[in-house]
């Protein structure tokens, strides 16, 4: 339960857990089992446990660690409204198979797709498609998306 007095949450407090969130705080919103800030601009925690997820078009920021340790997530649709993907947003999402990052994204945090060796990892993630107008910025930063030694076949800049 998120008490009425709660007005701030950092990174995903429910990482790796499928939980039912009881929200009493006016500062947050729970929609389809996932935690957002009030107004649903920032996705704080994906906690529904779904295998596919379409991020609502109201979201402009995927928070740090928002999908951390979501072993059931295989597919996520990121809408053009998203401009920022926080650090470690998809940390150790072991079933994630591909991701399309829209051209609207201008900021990508470090280690967005980082995995933990011998504890999950990205066995299924083979392609990250980045639809960006300024591909040179993402070209320089793509090494921050994943850890070295990943089995990722490629980052496609489109």
C-alpha atoms as a PDB file:
ATOM      1  CA  UNK A   1       0.000   0.000   0.000  1.00  0.00           C
ATOM      2  CA  UNK A   2       1.236   3.460  -0.932  1.00  0.00           C
ATOM      3  CA  UNK A   3       0.067   5.709   1.934  1.00  0.00           C
ATOM      4  CA  UNK A   4      -1.597   9.056   1.372  1.00  0.00           C
ATOM      5  CA  UNK A   5       1.447  10.798   2.886  1.00  0.00           C
ATOM      6  CA  UNK A   6       3.870   9.334   0.304  1.00  0.00           C
ATOM      7  CA  UNK A   7       4.965  12.009  -2.169  1.00  0.00           C
ATOM      8  CA  UNK A   8       8.226  10.674  -3.625  1.00  0.00           C
ATOM      9  CA  UNK A   9       9.508   7.321  -4.928  1.00  0.00           C
ATOM     10  CA  UNK A  10      12.937   6.754  -6.464  1.00  0.00           C
ATOM     11  CA  UNK A  11      13.743   3.818  -8.728  1.00  0.00           C
ATOM     12  CA  UNK A  12      11.335   0.918  -9.140  1.00  0.00           C
ATOM     13  CA  UNK A  13      10.540  -0.267  -5.605  1.00  0.00           C
ATOM     14  CA  UNK A  14       8.910  -3.464  -6.926  1.00  0.00           C
ATOM     15  CA  UNK A  15      11.722  -4.711  -9.205  1.00  0.00           C
ATOM     16  CA  UNK A  16      11.153  -8.318 -10.174  1.00  0.00           C
ATOM     17  CA  UNK A  17       7.871  -8.596  -8.307  1.00  0.00           C
ATOM     18  CA  UNK A  18       4.377  -9.096  -9.609  1.00  0.00           C
ATOM     19  CA  UNK A  19       2.396  -7.146  -7.042  1.00  0.00           C
ATOM     20  CA  UNK A  20      -1.007  -5.579  -6.624  1.00  0.00           C
ATOM     21  CA  UNK A  21      -0.424  -1.962  -5.693  1.00  0.00           C
ATOM     22  CA  UNK A  22      -2.939  -0.293  -3.433  1.00  0.00           C
ATOM     23  CA  UNK A  23      -2.417   3.427  -3.938  1.00  0.00           C
ATOM     24  CA  UNK A  24      -3.748   6.033  -1.531  1.00  0.00           C
ATOM     25  CA  UNK A  25      -1.276   8.778  -2.481  1.00  0.00           C
ATOM     26  CA  UNK A  26      -2.455  11.694  -4.630  1.00  0.00           C
ATOM     27  CA  UNK A  27       1.072  11.896  -6.106  1.00  0.00           C
ATOM     28  CA  UNK A  28       0.902   8.544  -7.927  1.00  0.00           C
ATOM     29  CA  UNK A  29      -1.367   6.627 -10.233  1.00  0.00           C
ATOM     30  CA  UNK A  30      -1.806   2.891 -10.637  1.00  0.00           C
ATOM     31  CA  UNK A  31      -3.078   1.951 -14.079  1.00  0.00           C
ATOM     32  CA  UNK A  32      -3.478  -1.648 -15.249  1.00  0.00           C
ATOM     33  CA  UNK A  33      -1.334  -2.776 -12.313  1.00  0.00           C
ATOM     34  CA  UNK A  34       1.631  -0.506 -13.067  1.00  0.00           C
ATOM     35  CA  UNK A  35       2.874   2.510 -11.108  1.00  0.00           C
ATOM     36  CA  UNK A  36       3.087   5.987 -12.666  1.00  0.00           C
ATOM     37  CA  UNK A  37       3.481   9.485 -11.339  1.00  0.00           C
ATOM     38  CA  UNK A  38       0.255  11.472 -11.137  1.00  0.00           C
ATOM     39  CA  UNK A  39      -0.727  12.315 -14.707  1.00  0.00           C
ATOM     40  CA  UNK A  40       1.020   9.183 -16.040  1.00  0.00           C
ATOM     41  CA  UNK A  41       3.987  11.067 -17.523  1.00  0.00           C
ATOM     42  CA  UNK A  42       6.619   8.813 -15.899  1.00  0.00           C
ATOM     43  CA  UNK A  43       6.395   5.033 -15.729  1.00  0.00           C
ATOM     44  CA  UNK A  44       7.911   4.190 -12.341  1.00  0.00           C
ATOM     45  CA  UNK A  45       7.298   0.449 -12.026  1.00  0.00           C
ATOM     46  CA  UNK A  46       6.078  -2.249 -14.383  1.00  0.00           C
ATOM     47  CA  UNK A  47       4.592  -4.683 -11.922  1.00  0.00           C
ATOM     48  CA  UNK A  48       1.701  -6.322 -13.752  1.00  0.00           C
ATOM     49  CA  UNK A  49       3.778  -9.324 -14.854  1.00  0.00           C
ATOM     50  CA  UNK A  50       2.358  -9.268 -18.393  1.00  0.00           C
ATOM     51  CA  UNK A  51       4.408 -10.766 -21.227  1.00  0.00           C
ATOM     52  CA  UNK A  52       3.607  -7.917 -23.615  1.00  0.00           C
ATOM     53  CA  UNK A  53       3.122  -4.293 -22.689  1.00  0.00           C
ATOM     54  CA  UNK A  54       2.071  -1.206 -24.610  1.00  0.00           C
ATOM     55  CA  UNK A  55       3.239   1.899 -22.791  1.00  0.00           C
ATOM     56  CA  UNK A  56       0.419   4.474 -22.642  1.00  0.00           C
ATOM     57  CA  UNK A  57       0.845   7.484 -24.933  1.00  0.00           C
ATOM     58  CA  UNK A  58       0.692   9.832 -21.928  1.00  0.00           C
ATOM     59  CA  UNK A  59       4.142   8.575 -20.832  1.00  0.00           C
ATOM     60  CA  UNK A  60       7.142  10.755 -21.707  1.00  0.00           C
ATOM     61  CA  UNK A  61       9.697   9.050 -19.448  1.00  0.00           C
ATOM     62  CA  UNK A  62      10.485   5.443 -18.634  1.00  0.00           C
ATOM     63  CA  UNK A  63      11.964   5.728 -15.149  1.00  0.00           C
ATOM     64  CA  UNK A  64      15.232   4.255 -13.894  1.00  0.00           C
ATOM     65  CA  UNK A  65      14.806   0.507 -13.492  1.00  0.00           C
ATOM     66  CA  UNK A  66      11.108   0.650 -14.455  1.00  0.00           C
ATOM     67  CA  UNK A  67      11.175  -2.859 -15.962  1.00  0.00           C
ATOM     68  CA  UNK A  68      14.009  -4.249 -13.775  1.00  0.00           C
ATOM     69  CA  UNK A  69      14.051  -8.019 -13.349  1.00  0.00           C
ATOM     70  CA  UNK A  70      10.818  -8.557 -15.327  1.00  0.00           C
ATOM     71  CA  UNK A  71      11.489 -12.116 -16.419  1.00  0.00           C
ATOM     72  CA  UNK A  72       8.051 -12.507 -18.062  1.00  0.00           C
ATOM     73  CA  UNK A  73       8.287  -9.454 -20.355  1.00  0.00           C
ATOM     74  CA  UNK A  74       8.963 -10.489 -23.966  1.00  0.00           C
ATOM     75  CA  UNK A  75       7.687  -7.474 -25.883  1.00  0.00           C
ATOM     76  CA  UNK A  76       7.242  -3.787 -25.129  1.00  0.00           C
ATOM     77  CA  UNK A  77       5.869  -1.055 -27.375  1.00  0.00           C
ATOM     78  CA  UNK A  78       7.390   2.359 -26.707  1.00  0.00           C
ATOM     79  CA  UNK A  79       5.199   5.172 -28.122  1.00  0.00           C
ATOM     80  CA  UNK A  80       6.459   8.326 -29.837  1.00  0.00           C
ATOM     81  CA  UNK A  81       5.508  10.320 -26.734  1.00  0.00           C
ATOM     82  CA  UNK A  82       8.521   8.887 -24.842  1.00  0.00           C
ATOM     83  CA  UNK A  83      11.580  11.161 -24.867  1.00  0.00           C
ATOM     84  CA  UNK A  84      13.620   9.631 -22.032  1.00  0.00           C
ATOM     85  CA  UNK A  85      14.562   6.086 -21.081  1.00  0.00           C
ATOM     86  CA  UNK A  86      16.090   5.947 -17.622  1.00  0.00           C
ATOM     87  CA  UNK A  87      19.202   4.131 -16.451  1.00  0.00           C
ATOM     88  CA  UNK A  88      18.837   0.351 -16.267  1.00  0.00           C
ATOM     89  CA  UNK A  89      15.220   0.592 -17.447  1.00  0.00           C
ATOM     90  CA  UNK A  90      15.206  -2.982 -18.792  1.00  0.00           C
ATOM     91  CA  UNK A  91      17.821  -4.378 -16.405  1.00  0.00           C
ATOM     92  CA  UNK A  92      17.850  -8.170 -16.556  1.00  0.00           C
ATOM     93  CA  UNK A  93      14.593  -8.623 -18.515  1.00  0.00           C
ATOM     94  CA  UNK A  94      15.614 -12.121 -19.536  1.00  0.00           C
ATOM     95  CA  UNK A  95      12.686 -12.873 -21.897  1.00  0.00           C
ATOM     96  CA  UNK A  96      12.790  -9.589 -23.844  1.00  0.00           C
ATOM     97  CA  UNK A  97      13.279 -10.443 -27.530  1.00  0.00           C
ATOM     98  CA  UNK A  98      13.374  -7.123 -29.389  1.00  0.00           C
ATOM     99  CA  UNK A  99      12.882  -3.441 -28.709  1.00  0.00           C
ATOM    100  CA  UNK A 100      12.055  -0.541 -31.005  1.00  0.00           C
ATOM    101  CA  UNK A 101      13.148   2.822 -29.614  1.00  0.00           C
ATOM    102  CA  UNK A 102      11.251   5.614 -31.398  1.00  0.00           C
ATOM    103  CA  UNK A 103      12.957   8.694 -32.842  1.00  0.00           C
ATOM    104  CA  UNK A 104      11.292  10.819 -30.158  1.00  0.00           C
ATOM    105  CA  UNK A 105      13.734   9.428 -27.570  1.00  0.00           C
ATOM    106  CA  UNK A 106      16.472  12.002 -27.004  1.00  0.00           C
ATOM    107  CA  UNK A 107      17.921  10.703 -23.737  1.00  0.00           C
ATOM    108  CA  UNK A 108      18.921   7.131 -22.922  1.00  0.00           C
ATOM    109  CA  UNK A 109      20.419   6.333 -19.527  1.00  0.00           C
ATOM    110  CA  UNK A 110      23.384   4.052 -18.950  1.00  0.00           C
ATOM    111  CA  UNK A 111      23.063   0.273 -19.046  1.00  0.00           C
ATOM    112  CA  UNK A 112      19.451   0.310 -20.247  1.00  0.00           C
ATOM    113  CA  UNK A 113      19.695  -3.362 -21.242  1.00  0.00           C
ATOM    114  CA  UNK A 114      22.351  -4.497 -18.793  1.00  0.00           C
ATOM    115  CA  UNK A 115      22.088  -8.070 -17.576  1.00  0.00           C
ATOM    116  CA  UNK A 116      23.678  -9.964 -14.734  1.00  0.00           C
ATOM    117  CA  UNK A 117      25.919 -12.859 -15.731  1.00  0.00           C
ATOM    118  CA  UNK A 118      24.635 -16.237 -14.523  1.00  0.00           C
ATOM    119  CA  UNK A 119      21.523 -14.570 -13.151  1.00  0.00           C
ATOM    120  CA  UNK A 120      19.071 -13.984 -15.965  1.00  0.00           C
ATOM    121  CA  UNK A 121      20.743 -12.155 -18.813  1.00  0.00           C
ATOM    122  CA  UNK A 122      19.373 -11.451 -22.258  1.00  0.00           C
ATOM    123  CA  UNK A 123      19.171 -14.847 -23.903  1.00  0.00           C
ATOM    124  CA  UNK A 124      16.373 -13.766 -26.233  1.00  0.00           C
ATOM    125  CA  UNK A 125      17.232 -10.126 -26.995  1.00  0.00           C
ATOM    126  CA  UNK A 126      18.703 -10.160 -30.464  1.00  0.00           C
ATOM    127  CA  UNK A 127      17.888  -6.731 -31.885  1.00  0.00           C
ATOM    128  CA  UNK A 128      17.511  -3.190 -30.645  1.00  0.00           C
ATOM    129  CA  UNK A 129      16.107  -0.919 -33.353  1.00  0.00           C
ATOM    130  CA  UNK A 130      16.728   2.764 -32.683  1.00  0.00           C
ATOM    131  CA  UNK A 131      14.683   5.049 -34.900  1.00  0.00           C
ATOM    132  CA  UNK A 132      16.631   8.228 -34.393  1.00  0.00           C
ATOM    133  CA  UNK A 133      17.117  11.346 -36.471  1.00  0.00           C
ATOM    134  CA  UNK A 134      20.528  11.937 -34.904  1.00  0.00           C
ATOM    135  CA  UNK A 135      22.032   8.482 -35.119  1.00  0.00           C
ATOM    136  CA  UNK A 136      25.572   9.666 -34.404  1.00  0.00           C
ATOM    137  CA  UNK A 137      24.622  10.451 -30.792  1.00  0.00           C
ATOM    138  CA  UNK A 138      23.233   6.943 -30.307  1.00  0.00           C
ATOM    139  CA  UNK A 139      26.197   5.431 -32.187  1.00  0.00           C
ATOM    140  CA  UNK A 140      28.536   6.884 -29.572  1.00  0.00           C
ATOM    141  CA  UNK A 141      26.283   5.869 -26.707  1.00  0.00           C
ATOM    142  CA  UNK A 142      25.219   2.381 -27.795  1.00  0.00           C
ATOM    143  CA  UNK A 143      27.963   0.774 -25.715  1.00  0.00           C
ATOM    144  CA  UNK A 144      26.170   2.154 -22.652  1.00  0.00           C
ATOM    145  CA  UNK A 145      22.970   0.276 -23.544  1.00  0.00           C
ATOM    146  CA  UNK A 146      24.360  -3.191 -22.900  1.00  0.00           C
ATOM    147  CA  UNK A 147      27.244  -4.787 -21.122  1.00  0.00           C
ATOM    148  CA  UNK A 148      30.180  -6.109 -23.076  1.00  0.00           C
ATOM    149  CA  UNK A 149      29.996  -9.818 -23.838  1.00  0.00           C
ATOM    150  CA  UNK A 150      26.231  -9.725 -24.460  1.00  0.00           C
ATOM    151  CA  UNK A 151      24.836 -12.119 -27.038  1.00  0.00           C
ATOM    152  CA  UNK A 152      23.026  -9.250 -28.725  1.00  0.00           C
ATOM    153  CA  UNK A 153      23.380  -9.584 -32.494  1.00  0.00           C
ATOM    154  CA  UNK A 154      23.191  -5.904 -33.196  1.00  0.00           C
ATOM    155  CA  UNK A 155      21.992  -2.434 -32.565  1.00  0.00           C
ATOM    156  CA  UNK A 156      20.316  -1.171 -35.707  1.00  0.00           C
ATOM    157  CA  UNK A 157      20.283   2.567 -36.210  1.00  0.00           C
ATOM    158  CA  UNK A 158      17.428   3.475 -38.528  1.00  0.00           C
END
